[in-house]
Amino acid sequence: MSKRGEIGMIGRKRRDKKRERERGEDEQEERERDLEGKDGEEEEREKEVISQRERENTSKRRDRERERERERGDGEGEEREKEVISQRERENTSKRRDRERERERRW
């Protein structure tokens, strides 16, 4: 082979090696991106699971607080209920008297 041919072969081999290296790097980058994508999807799933748990815990906590309020407020609730009922009765009595007075005035 001539000198020029040998130099050409060396150049071709260098270019081939460079292309192979670049192709390998590209494939490696693609694999890494795929892995990152999977990791991202897993992260999203984990975040969703965590937020779901937080919502459930918040709901449970609120339920427990409401139950405590009911237990604590039974006596107080009855007191308030009685007070509201007596207030309504007073109002109704007052309205009834006002209507009676109005009727008497008309006659």
PDB file of N, CA and C in Angstrom:
ATOM      1  N   MET A   1       0.838  -1.162   0.000  1.00  0.00           N
ATOM      2  CA  MET A   1       0.000   0.000   0.000  1.00  0.00           C
ATOM      3  C   MET A   1       0.892   1.238   0.000  1.00  0.00           C
ATOM      4  N   SER A   2       0.419   2.271  -0.653  1.00  0.00           N
ATOM      5  CA  SER A   2       1.212   3.489  -0.739  1.00  0.00           C
ATOM      6  C   SER A   2       1.141   4.241   0.582  1.00  0.00           C
ATOM      7  N   LYS A   3       2.030   5.150   0.707  1.00  0.00           N
ATOM      8  CA  LYS A   3       2.094   5.971   1.923  1.00  0.00           C
ATOM      9  C   LYS A   3       0.776   6.715   2.117  1.00  0.00           C
ATOM     10  N   ARG A   4       0.302   7.249   1.007  1.00  0.00           N
ATOM     11  CA  ARG A   4      -0.948   8.003   1.049  1.00  0.00           C
ATOM     12  C   ARG A   4      -2.101   7.086   1.490  1.00  0.00           C
ATOM     13  N   GLY A   5      -2.154   5.899   1.026  1.00  0.00           N
ATOM     14  CA  GLY A   5      -3.199   4.943   1.394  1.00  0.00           C
ATOM     15  C   GLY A   5      -3.138   4.588   2.861  1.00  0.00           C
ATOM     16  N   GLU A   6      -1.875   4.426   3.354  1.00  0.00           N
ATOM     17  CA  GLU A   6      -1.736   4.108   4.783  1.00  0.00           C
ATOM     18  C   GLU A   6      -2.216   5.269   5.650  1.00  0.00           C
ATOM     19  N   ILE A   7      -1.861   6.457   5.247  1.00  0.00           N
ATOM     20  CA  ILE A   7      -2.300   7.642   6.007  1.00  0.00           C
ATOM     21  C   ILE A   7      -3.827   7.733   5.969  1.00  0.00           C
ATOM     22  N   GLY A   8      -4.398   7.431   4.816  1.00  0.00           N
ATOM     23  CA  GLY A   8      -5.851   7.464   4.679  1.00  0.00           C
ATOM     24  C   GLY A   8      -6.526   6.451   5.591  1.00  0.00           C
ATOM     25  N   MET A   9      -5.889   5.259   5.682  1.00  0.00           N
ATOM     26  CA  MET A   9      -6.449   4.220   6.554  1.00  0.00           C
ATOM     27  C   MET A   9      -6.376   4.652   8.018  1.00  0.00           C
ATOM     28  N   ILE A  10      -5.272   5.276   8.377  1.00  0.00           N
ATOM     29  CA  ILE A  10      -5.114   5.728   9.768  1.00  0.00           C
ATOM     30  C   ILE A  10      -6.185   6.774  10.083  1.00  0.00           C
ATOM     31  N   GLY A  11      -6.359   7.698   9.128  1.00  0.00           N
ATOM     32  CA  GLY A  11      -7.374   8.737   9.316  1.00  0.00           C
ATOM     33  C   GLY A  11      -8.770   8.144   9.426  1.00  0.00           C
ATOM     34  N   ARG A  12      -9.029   7.153   8.573  1.00  0.00           N
ATOM     35  CA  ARG A  12     -10.341   6.513   8.601  1.00  0.00           C
ATOM     36  C   ARG A  12     -10.546   5.804   9.936  1.00  0.00           C
ATOM     37  N   LYS A  13      -9.497   5.097  10.400  1.00  0.00           N
ATOM     38  CA  LYS A  13      -9.607   4.402  11.685  1.00  0.00           C
ATOM     39  C   LYS A  13      -9.874   5.400  12.806  1.00  0.00           C
ATOM     40  N   ARG A  14      -9.186   6.546  12.774  1.00  0.00           N
ATOM     41  CA  ARG A  14      -9.416   7.569  13.804  1.00  0.00           C
ATOM     42  C   ARG A  14     -10.851   8.084  13.762  1.00  0.00           C
ATOM     43  N   ARG A  15     -11.314   8.346  12.539  1.00  0.00           N
ATOM     44  CA  ARG A  15     -12.693   8.837  12.397  1.00  0.00           C
ATOM     45  C   ARG A  15     -13.685   7.778  12.878  1.00  0.00           C
ATOM     46  N   ASP A  16     -13.415   6.516  12.503  1.00  0.00           N
ATOM     47  CA  ASP A  16     -14.305   5.434  12.941  1.00  0.00           C
ATOM     48  C   ASP A  16     -14.336   5.325  14.466  1.00  0.00           C
ATOM     49  N   LYS A  17     -13.152   5.402  15.084  1.00  0.00           N
ATOM     50  CA  LYS A  17     -13.082   5.324  16.548  1.00  0.00           C
ATOM     51  C   LYS A  17     -13.823   6.499  17.181  1.00  0.00           C
ATOM     52  N   LYS A  18     -13.636   7.681  16.585  1.00  0.00           N
ATOM     53  CA  LYS A  18     -14.299   8.870  17.107  1.00  0.00           C
ATOM     54  C   LYS A  18     -15.827   8.712  17.007  1.00  0.00           C
ATOM     55  N   ARG A  19     -16.285   8.238  15.838  1.00  0.00           N
ATOM     56  CA  ARG A  19     -17.731   8.019  15.646  1.00  0.00           C
ATOM     57  C   ARG A  19     -18.257   6.987  16.645  1.00  0.00           C
ATOM     58  N   GLU A  20     -17.498   5.925  16.823  1.00  0.00           N
ATOM     59  CA  GLU A  20     -17.894   4.867  17.751  1.00  0.00           C
ATOM     60  C   GLU A  20     -17.990   5.427  19.176  1.00  0.00           C
ATOM     61  N   ARG A  21     -16.994   6.223  19.547  1.00  0.00           N
ATOM     62  CA  ARG A  21     -16.990   6.845  20.873  1.00  0.00           C
ATOM     63  C   ARG A  21     -18.213   7.756  21.040  1.00  0.00           C
ATOM     64  N   GLU A  22     -18.468   8.565  20.029  1.00  0.00           N
ATOM     65  CA  GLU A  22     -19.606   9.483  20.085  1.00  0.00           C
ATOM     66  C   GLU A  22     -20.918   8.705  20.144  1.00  0.00           C
ATOM     67  N   ARG A  23     -20.997   7.639  19.358  1.00  0.00           N
ATOM     68  CA  ARG A  23     -22.206   6.817  19.360  1.00  0.00           C
ATOM     69  C   ARG A  23     -22.398   6.203  20.752  1.00  0.00           C
ATOM     70  N   GLY A  24     -21.323   5.720  21.339  1.00  0.00           N
ATOM     71  CA  GLY A  24     -21.392   5.145  22.688  1.00  0.00           C
ATOM     72  C   GLY A  24     -21.804   6.185  23.706  1.00  0.00           C
ATOM     73  N   GLU A  25     -21.249   7.404  23.556  1.00  0.00           N
ATOM     74  CA  GLU A  25     -21.626   8.473  24.478  1.00  0.00           C
ATOM     75  C   GLU A  25     -23.105   8.824  24.312  1.00  0.00           C
ATOM     76  N   ASP A  26     -23.541   8.883  23.049  1.00  0.00           N
ATOM     77  CA  ASP A  26     -24.953   9.190  22.791  1.00  0.00           C
ATOM     78  C   ASP A  26     -25.857   8.120  23.398  1.00  0.00           C
ATOM     79  N   GLU A  27     -25.459   6.852  23.206  1.00  0.00           N
ATOM     80  CA  GLU A  27     -26.256   5.763  23.771  1.00  0.00           C
ATOM     81  C   GLU A  27     -26.270   5.831  25.288  1.00  0.00           C
ATOM     82  N   GLN A  28     -25.114   6.147  25.870  1.00  0.00           N
ATOM     83  CA  GLN A  28     -25.011   6.267  27.327  1.00  0.00           C
ATOM     84  C   GLN A  28     -25.914   7.408  27.818  1.00  0.00           C
ATOM     85  N   GLU A  29     -25.862   8.537  27.124  1.00  0.00           N
ATOM     86  CA  GLU A  29     -26.720   9.664  27.508  1.00  0.00           C
ATOM     87  C   GLU A  29     -28.195   9.284  27.406  1.00  0.00           C
ATOM     88  N   GLU A  30     -28.529   8.553  26.355  1.00  0.00           N
ATOM     89  CA  GLU A  30     -29.917   8.129  26.172  1.00  0.00           C
ATOM     90  C   GLU A  30     -30.347   7.207  27.306  1.00  0.00           C
ATOM     91  N   ARG A  31     -29.452   6.268  27.662  1.00  0.00           N
ATOM     92  CA  ARG A  31     -29.770   5.365  28.779  1.00  0.00           C
ATOM     93  C   ARG A  31     -29.960   6.163  30.067  1.00  0.00           C
ATOM     94  N   GLU A  32     -29.093   7.137  30.294  1.00  0.00           N
ATOM     95  CA  GLU A  32     -29.202   7.960  31.501  1.00  0.00           C
ATOM     96  C   GLU A  32     -30.518   8.742  31.504  1.00  0.00           C
ATOM     97  N   ARG A  33     -30.878   9.282  30.334  1.00  0.00           N
ATOM     98  CA  ARG A  33     -32.140  10.018  30.244  1.00  0.00           C
ATOM     99  C   ARG A  33     -33.318   9.095  30.526  1.00  0.00           C
ATOM    100  N   ASP A  34     -33.249   7.873  30.002  1.00  0.00           N
ATOM    101  CA  ASP A  34     -34.314   6.906  30.260  1.00  0.00           C
ATOM    102  C   ASP A  34     -34.423   6.619  31.750  1.00  0.00           C
ATOM    103  N   LEU A  35     -33.253   6.414  32.367  1.00  0.00           N
ATOM    104  CA  LEU A  35     -33.261   6.144  33.806  1.00  0.00           C
ATOM    105  C   LEU A  35     -33.813   7.341  34.574  1.00  0.00           C
ATOM    106  N   GLU A  36     -33.397   8.544  34.176  1.00  0.00           N
ATOM    107  CA  GLU A  36     -33.905   9.738  34.848  1.00  0.00           C
ATOM    108  C   GLU A  36     -35.410   9.830  34.672  1.00  0.00           C
ATOM    109  N   GLY A  37     -35.868   9.500  33.474  1.00  0.00           N
ATOM    110  CA  GLY A  37     -37.306   9.523  33.220  1.00  0.00           C
ATOM    111  C   GLY A  37     -38.031   8.549  34.121  1.00  0.00           C
ATOM    112  N   LYS A  38     -37.479   7.362  34.270  1.00  0.00           N
ATOM    113  CA  LYS A  38     -38.105   6.367  35.149  1.00  0.00           C
ATOM    114  C   LYS A  38     -38.047   6.849  36.580  1.00  0.00           C
ATOM    115  N   ASP A  39     -36.907   7.416  36.981  1.00  0.00           N
ATOM    116  CA  ASP A  39     -36.789   7.933  38.335  1.00  0.00           C
ATOM    117  C   ASP A  39     -37.796   9.053  38.562  1.00  0.00           C
ATOM    118  N   GLY A  40     -37.955   9.894  37.547  1.00  0.00           N
ATOM    119  CA  GLY A  40     -38.922  10.979  37.662  1.00  0.00           C
ATOM    120  C   GLY A  40     -40.326  10.452  37.821  1.00  0.00           C
ATOM    121  N   GLU A  41     -40.664   9.410  37.050  1.00  0.00           N
ATOM    122  CA  GLU A  41     -41.994   8.814  37.156  1.00  0.00           C
ATOM    123  C   GLU A  41     -42.187   8.199  38.538  1.00  0.00           C
ATOM    124  N   GLU A  42     -41.141   7.502  39.018  1.00  0.00           N
ATOM    125  CA  GLU A  42     -41.226   6.901  40.353  1.00  0.00           C
ATOM    126  C   GLU A  42     -41.387   7.993  41.402  1.00  0.00           C
ATOM    127  N   GLU A  43     -40.627   9.090  41.233  1.00  0.00           N
ATOM    128  CA  GLU A  43     -40.718  10.194  42.176  1.00  0.00           C
ATOM    129  C   GLU A  43     -42.129  10.761  42.198  1.00  0.00           C
ATOM    130  N   GLU A  44     -42.710  10.923  41.010  1.00  0.00           N
ATOM    131  CA  GLU A  44     -44.074  11.441  40.911  1.00  0.00           C
ATOM    132  C   GLU A  44     -45.044  10.514  41.634  1.00  0.00           C
ATOM    133  N   ARG A  45     -44.875   9.212  41.415  1.00  0.00           N
ATOM    134  CA  ARG A  45     -45.756   8.246  42.085  1.00  0.00           C
ATOM    135  C   ARG A  45     -45.593   8.335  43.600  1.00  0.00           C
ATOM    136  N   GLU A  46     -44.323   8.435  44.049  1.00  0.00           N
ATOM    137  CA  GLU A  46     -44.075   8.534  45.485  1.00  0.00           C
ATOM    138  C   GLU A  46     -44.700   9.801  46.056  1.00  0.00           C
ATOM    139  N   LYS A  47     -44.539  10.911  45.330  1.00  0.00           N
ATOM    140  CA  LYS A  47     -45.122  12.165  45.794  1.00  0.00           C
ATOM    141  C   LYS A  47     -46.632  12.052  45.884  1.00  0.00           C
ATOM    142  N   GLU A  48     -47.240  11.410  44.900  1.00  0.00           N
ATOM    143  CA  GLU A  48     -48.696  11.234  44.895  1.00  0.00           C
ATOM    144  C   GLU A  48     -49.129  10.382  46.080  1.00  0.00           C
ATOM    145  N   VAL A  49     -48.375   9.300  46.342  1.00  0.00           N
ATOM    146  CA  VAL A  49     -48.702   8.427  47.477  1.00  0.00           C
ATOM    147  C   VAL A  49     -48.577   9.215  48.779  1.00  0.00           C
ATOM    148  N   ILE A  50     -47.515   9.995  48.896  1.00  0.00           N
ATOM    149  CA  ILE A  50     -47.294  10.781  50.114  1.00  0.00           C
ATOM    150  C   ILE A  50     -48.415  11.793  50.299  1.00  0.00           C
ATOM    151  N   SER A  51     -48.771  12.501  49.217  1.00  0.00           N
ATOM    152  CA  SER A  51     -49.829  13.499  49.349  1.00  0.00           C
ATOM    153  C   SER A  51     -51.164  12.836  49.675  1.00  0.00           C
ATOM    154  N   GLN A  52     -51.401  11.651  49.116  1.00  0.00           N
ATOM    155  CA  GLN A  52     -52.636  10.910  49.437  1.00  0.00           C
ATOM    156  C   GLN A  52     -52.653  10.555  50.918  1.00  0.00           C
ATOM    157  N   ARG A  53     -51.525  10.085  51.433  1.00  0.00           N
ATOM    158  CA  ARG A  53     -51.449   9.753  52.864  1.00  0.00           C
ATOM    159  C   ARG A  53     -51.702  10.988  53.714  1.00  0.00           C
ATOM    160  N   GLU A  54     -51.102  12.126  53.299  1.00  0.00           N
ATOM    161  CA  GLU A  54     -51.295  13.358  54.051  1.00  0.00           C
ATOM    162  C   GLU A  54     -52.765  13.757  54.072  1.00  0.00           C
ATOM    163  N   ARG A  55     -53.437  13.625  52.914  1.00  0.00           N
ATOM    164  CA  ARG A  55     -54.862  13.962  52.859  1.00  0.00           C
ATOM    165  C   ARG A  55     -55.658  13.047  53.781  1.00  0.00           C
ATOM    166  N   GLU A  56     -55.331  11.742  53.756  1.00  0.00           N
ATOM    167  CA  GLU A  56     -56.034  10.794  54.617  1.00  0.00           C
ATOM    168  C   GLU A  56     -55.798  11.123  56.090  1.00  0.00           C
ATOM    169  N   ASN A  57     -54.536  11.424  56.421  1.00  0.00           N
ATOM    170  CA  ASN A  57     -54.216  11.746  57.812  1.00  0.00           C
ATOM    171  C   ASN A  57     -54.937  13.014  58.259  1.00  0.00           C
ATOM    172  N   THR A  58     -54.978  14.008  57.375  1.00  0.00           N
ATOM    173  CA  THR A  58     -55.674  15.248  57.701  1.00  0.00           C
ATOM    174  C   THR A  58     -57.143  14.965  57.931  1.00  0.00           C
ATOM    175  N   SER A  59     -57.718  14.152  57.056  1.00  0.00           N
ATOM    176  CA  SER A  59     -59.133  13.801  57.190  1.00  0.00           C
ATOM    177  C   SER A  59     -59.374  13.063  58.508  1.00  0.00           C
ATOM    178  N   LYS A  60     -58.512  12.108  58.815  1.00  0.00           N
ATOM    179  CA  LYS A  60     -58.656  11.348  60.065  1.00  0.00           C
ATOM    180  C   LYS A  60     -58.524  12.274  61.271  1.00  0.00           C
ATOM    181  N   ARG A  61     -57.554  13.198  61.205  1.00  0.00           N
ATOM    182  CA  ARG A  61     -57.344  14.119  62.321  1.00  0.00           C
ATOM    183  C   ARG A  61     -58.593  14.985  62.528  1.00  0.00           C
ATOM    184  N   ARG A  62     -59.151  15.492  61.433  1.00  0.00           N
ATOM    185  CA  ARG A  62     -60.358  16.310  61.540  1.00  0.00           C
ATOM    186  C   ARG A  62     -61.517  15.503  62.124  1.00  0.00           C
ATOM    187  N   ASP A  63     -61.635  14.248  61.680  1.00  0.00           N
ATOM    188  CA  ASP A  63     -62.690  13.390  62.210  1.00  0.00           C
ATOM    189  C   ASP A  63     -62.520  13.208  63.721  1.00  0.00           C
ATOM    190  N   ARG A  64     -61.261  12.965  64.150  1.00  0.00           N
ATOM    191  CA  ARG A  64     -61.007  12.800  65.589  1.00  0.00           C
ATOM    192  C   ARG A  64     -61.343  14.076  66.346  1.00  0.00           C
ATOM    193  N   GLU A  65     -60.984  15.247  65.761  1.00  0.00           N
ATOM    194  CA  GLU A  65     -61.286  16.516  66.425  1.00  0.00           C
ATOM    195  C   GLU A  65     -62.794  16.721  66.546  1.00  0.00           C
ATOM    196  N   ARG A  66     -63.524  16.408  65.477  1.00  0.00           N
ATOM    197  CA  ARG A  66     -64.985  16.541  65.518  1.00  0.00           C
ATOM    198  C   ARG A  66     -65.580  15.632  66.588  1.00  0.00           C
ATOM    199  N   GLU A  67     -65.068  14.397  66.647  1.00  0.00           N
ATOM    200  CA  GLU A  67     -65.567  13.437  67.641  1.00  0.00           C
ATOM    201  C   GLU A  67     -65.305  13.953  69.056  1.00  0.00           C
ATOM    202  N   ARG A  68     -64.098  14.503  69.285  1.00  0.00           N
ATOM    203  CA  ARG A  68     -63.781  15.068  70.598  1.00  0.00           C
ATOM    204  C   ARG A  68     -64.725  16.220  70.927  1.00  0.00           C
ATOM    205  N   GLU A  69     -64.989  17.064  69.927  1.00  0.00           N
ATOM    206  CA  GLU A  69     -65.916  18.182  70.126  1.00  0.00           C
ATOM    207  C   GLU A  69     -67.297  17.668  70.516  1.00  0.00           C
ATOM    208  N   ARG A  70     -67.738  16.622  69.826  1.00  0.00           N
ATOM    209  CA  ARG A  70     -69.055  16.051  70.143  1.00  0.00           C
ATOM    210  C   ARG A  70     -69.072  15.525  71.576  1.00  0.00           C
ATOM    211  N   GLU A  71     -68.007  14.795  71.943  1.00  0.00           N
ATOM    212  CA  GLU A  71     -67.954  14.220  73.284  1.00  0.00           C
ATOM    213  C   GLU A  71     -67.899  15.325  74.336  1.00  0.00           C
ATOM    214  N   ARG A  72     -67.050  16.310  74.089  1.00  0.00           N
ATOM    215  CA  ARG A  72     -66.885  17.400  75.031  1.00  0.00           C
ATOM    216  C   ARG A  72     -68.127  18.286  75.061  1.00  0.00           C
ATOM    217  N   GLY A  73     -68.682  18.489  73.894  1.00  0.00           N
ATOM    218  CA  GLY A  73     -69.768  19.447  73.768  1.00  0.00           C
ATOM    219  C   GLY A  73     -71.146  18.895  74.051  1.00  0.00           C
ATOM    220  N   ASP A  74     -71.254  17.621  74.421  1.00  0.00           N
ATOM    221  CA  ASP A  74     -72.590  17.070  74.675  1.00  0.00           C
ATOM    222  C   ASP A  74     -73.331  17.903  75.703  1.00  0.00           C
ATOM    223  N   GLY A  75     -72.731  18.142  76.838  1.00  0.00           N
ATOM    224  CA  GLY A  75     -73.371  18.952  77.880  1.00  0.00           C
ATOM    225  C   GLY A  75     -73.550  20.383  77.412  1.00  0.00           C
ATOM    226  N   GLU A  76     -72.509  20.937  76.826  1.00  0.00           N
ATOM    227  CA  GLU A  76     -72.573  22.309  76.341  1.00  0.00           C
ATOM    228  C   GLU A  76     -73.577  22.417  75.201  1.00  0.00           C
ATOM    229  N   GLY A  77     -73.602  21.427  74.345  1.00  0.00           N
ATOM    230  CA  GLY A  77     -74.524  21.442  73.214  1.00  0.00           C
ATOM    231  C   GLY A  77     -75.967  21.437  73.675  1.00  0.00           C
ATOM    232  N   GLU A  78     -76.239  20.643  74.680  1.00  0.00           N
ATOM    233  CA  GLU A  78     -77.585  20.591  75.222  1.00  0.00           C
ATOM    234  C   GLU A  78     -77.956  21.933  75.833  1.00  0.00           C
ATOM    235  N   GLU A  79     -77.000  22.529  76.530  1.00  0.00           N
ATOM    236  CA  GLU A  79     -77.236  23.847  77.141  1.00  0.00           C
ATOM    237  C   GLU A  79     -77.564  24.863  76.057  1.00  0.00           C
ATOM    238  N   ARG A  80     -76.757  24.871  75.004  1.00  0.00           N
ATOM    239  CA  ARG A  80     -76.976  25.816  73.907  1.00  0.00           C
ATOM    240  C   ARG A  80     -78.324  25.565  73.241  1.00  0.00           C
ATOM    241  N   GLU A  81     -78.630  24.291  73.042  1.00  0.00           N
ATOM    242  CA  GLU A  81     -79.910  23.935  72.417  1.00  0.00           C
ATOM    243  C   GLU A  81     -81.081  24.450  73.258  1.00  0.00           C
ATOM    244  N   LYS A  82     -81.022  24.232  74.571  1.00  0.00           N
ATOM    245  CA  LYS A  82     -82.081  24.697  75.454  1.00  0.00           C
ATOM    246  C   LYS A  82     -82.195  26.215  75.395  1.00  0.00           C
ATOM    247  N   GLU A  83     -81.053  26.864  75.362  1.00  0.00           N
ATOM    248  CA  GLU A  83     -81.049  28.328  75.308  1.00  0.00           C
ATOM    249  C   GLU A  83     -81.692  28.826  74.014  1.00  0.00           C
ATOM    250  N   VAL A  84     -81.337  28.193  72.899  1.00  0.00           N
ATOM    251  CA  VAL A  84     -81.903  28.579  71.603  1.00  0.00           C
ATOM    252  C   VAL A  84     -83.405  28.342  71.588  1.00  0.00           C
ATOM    253  N   ILE A  85     -83.826  27.213  72.121  1.00  0.00           N
ATOM    254  CA  ILE A  85     -85.258  26.888  72.156  1.00  0.00           C
ATOM    255  C   ILE A  85     -86.013  27.914  73.000  1.00  0.00           C
ATOM    256  N   SER A  86     -85.480  28.227  74.173  1.00  0.00           N
ATOM    257  CA  SER A  86     -86.178  29.196  75.035  1.00  0.00           C
ATOM    258  C   SER A  86     -86.203  30.574  74.374  1.00  0.00           C
ATOM    259  N   GLN A  87     -85.137  30.952  73.669  1.00  0.00           N
ATOM    260  CA  GLN A  87     -85.119  32.225  72.949  1.00  0.00           C
ATOM    261  C   GLN A  87     -86.200  32.234  71.873  1.00  0.00           C
ATOM    262  N   ARG A  88     -86.330  31.151  71.125  1.00  0.00           N
ATOM    263  CA  ARG A  88     -87.373  31.057  70.089  1.00  0.00           C
ATOM    264  C   ARG A  88     -88.771  31.151  70.708  1.00  0.00           C
ATOM    265  N   GLU A  89     -88.947  30.472  71.852  1.00  0.00           N
ATOM    266  CA  GLU A  89     -90.247  30.521  72.518  1.00  0.00           C
ATOM    267  C   GLU A  89     -90.590  31.940  72.943  1.00  0.00           C
ATOM    268  N   ARG A  90     -89.595  32.664  73.480  1.00  0.00           N
ATOM    269  CA  ARG A  90     -89.833  34.056  73.881  1.00  0.00           C
ATOM    270  C   ARG A  90     -90.213  34.907  72.670  1.00  0.00           C
ATOM    271  N   GLU A  91     -89.470  34.692  71.562  1.00  0.00           N
ATOM    272  CA  GLU A  91     -89.768  35.448  70.345  1.00  0.00           C
ATOM    273  C   GLU A  91     -91.168  35.131  69.844  1.00  0.00           C
ATOM    274  N   ASN A  92     -91.497  33.849  69.821  1.00  0.00           N
ATOM    275  CA  ASN A  92     -92.831  33.452  69.351  1.00  0.00           C
ATOM    276  C   ASN A  92     -93.928  34.040  70.243  1.00  0.00           C
ATOM    277  N   THR A  93     -93.697  34.005  71.549  1.00  0.00           N
ATOM    278  CA  THR A  93     -94.670  34.564  72.485  1.00  0.00           C
ATOM    279  C   THR A  93     -94.838  36.050  72.226  1.00  0.00           C
ATOM    280  N   SER A  94     -93.741  36.716  72.032  1.00  0.00           N
ATOM    281  CA  SER A  94     -93.787  38.151  71.759  1.00  0.00           C
ATOM    282  C   SER A  94     -94.540  38.441  70.458  1.00  0.00           C
ATOM    283  N   LYS A  95     -94.259  37.658  69.428  1.00  0.00           N
ATOM    284  CA  LYS A  95     -94.949  37.847  68.144  1.00  0.00           C
ATOM    285  C   LYS A  95     -96.446  37.579  68.297  1.00  0.00           C
ATOM    286  N   ARG A  96     -96.796  36.554  69.059  1.00  0.00           N
ATOM    287  CA  ARG A  96     -98.206  36.213  69.270  1.00  0.00           C
ATOM    288  C   ARG A  96     -98.928  37.352  69.988  1.00  0.00           C
ATOM    289  N   ARG A  97     -98.298  37.913  71.010  1.00  0.00           N
ATOM    290  CA  ARG A  97     -98.891  39.035  71.754  1.00  0.00           C
ATOM    291  C   ARG A  97     -99.073  40.241  70.831  1.00  0.00           C
ATOM    292  N   ASP A  98     -98.030  40.479  69.975  1.00  0.00           N
ATOM    293  CA  ASP A  98     -98.128  41.600  69.032  1.00  0.00           C
ATOM    294  C   ASP A  98     -99.299  41.405  68.076  1.00  0.00           C
ATOM    295  N   ARG A  99     -99.503  40.193  67.597  1.00  0.00           N
ATOM    296  CA  ARG A  99    -100.621  39.906  66.695  1.00  0.00           C
ATOM    297  C   ARG A  99    -101.953  40.100  67.406  1.00  0.00           C
ATOM    298  N   GLU A 100    -102.016  39.638  68.657  1.00  0.00           N
ATOM    299  CA  GLU A 100    -103.251  39.794  69.438  1.00  0.00           C
ATOM    300  C   GLU A 100    -103.571  41.265  69.633  1.00  0.00           C
ATOM    301  N   ARG A 101    -102.571  42.075  69.963  1.00  0.00           N
ATOM    302  CA  ARG A 101    -102.767  43.510  70.149  1.00  0.00           C
ATOM    303  C   ARG A 101    -103.257  44.158  68.852  1.00  0.00           C
ATOM    304  N   GLU A 102    -102.642  43.729  67.748  1.00  0.00           N
ATOM    305  CA  GLU A 102    -103.013  44.266  66.436  1.00  0.00           C
ATOM    306  C   GLU A 102    -104.466  43.932  66.120  1.00  0.00           C
ATOM    307  N   ARG A 103    -104.904  42.742  66.432  1.00  0.00           N
ATOM    308  CA  ARG A 103    -106.295  42.329  66.210  1.00  0.00           C
ATOM    309  C   ARG A 103    -107.244  43.163  67.058  1.00  0.00           C
ATOM    310  N   GLU A 104    -106.870  43.372  68.321  1.00  0.00           N
ATOM    311  CA  GLU A 104    -107.720  44.163  69.223  1.00  0.00           C
ATOM    312  C   GLU A 104    -107.870  45.588  68.719  1.00  0.00           C
ATOM    313  N   ARG A 105    -106.784  46.154  68.190  1.00  0.00           N
ATOM    314  CA  ARG A 105    -106.843  47.514  67.665  1.00  0.00           C
ATOM    315  C   ARG A 105    -107.769  47.596  66.460  1.00  0.00           C
ATOM    316  N   ARG A 106    -107.736  46.585  65.622  1.00  0.00           N
ATOM    317  CA  ARG A 106    -108.583  46.581  64.433  1.00  0.00           C
ATOM    318  C   ARG A 106    -110.054  46.516  64.798  1.00  0.00           C
ATOM    319  N   TRP A 107    -110.408  45.805  65.852  1.00  0.00           N
ATOM    320  CA  TRP A 107    -111.819  45.640  66.248  1.00  0.00           C
ATOM    321  C   TRP A 107    -112.230  46.900  66.899  1.00  0.00           C
TER     322      TRP A 107
END
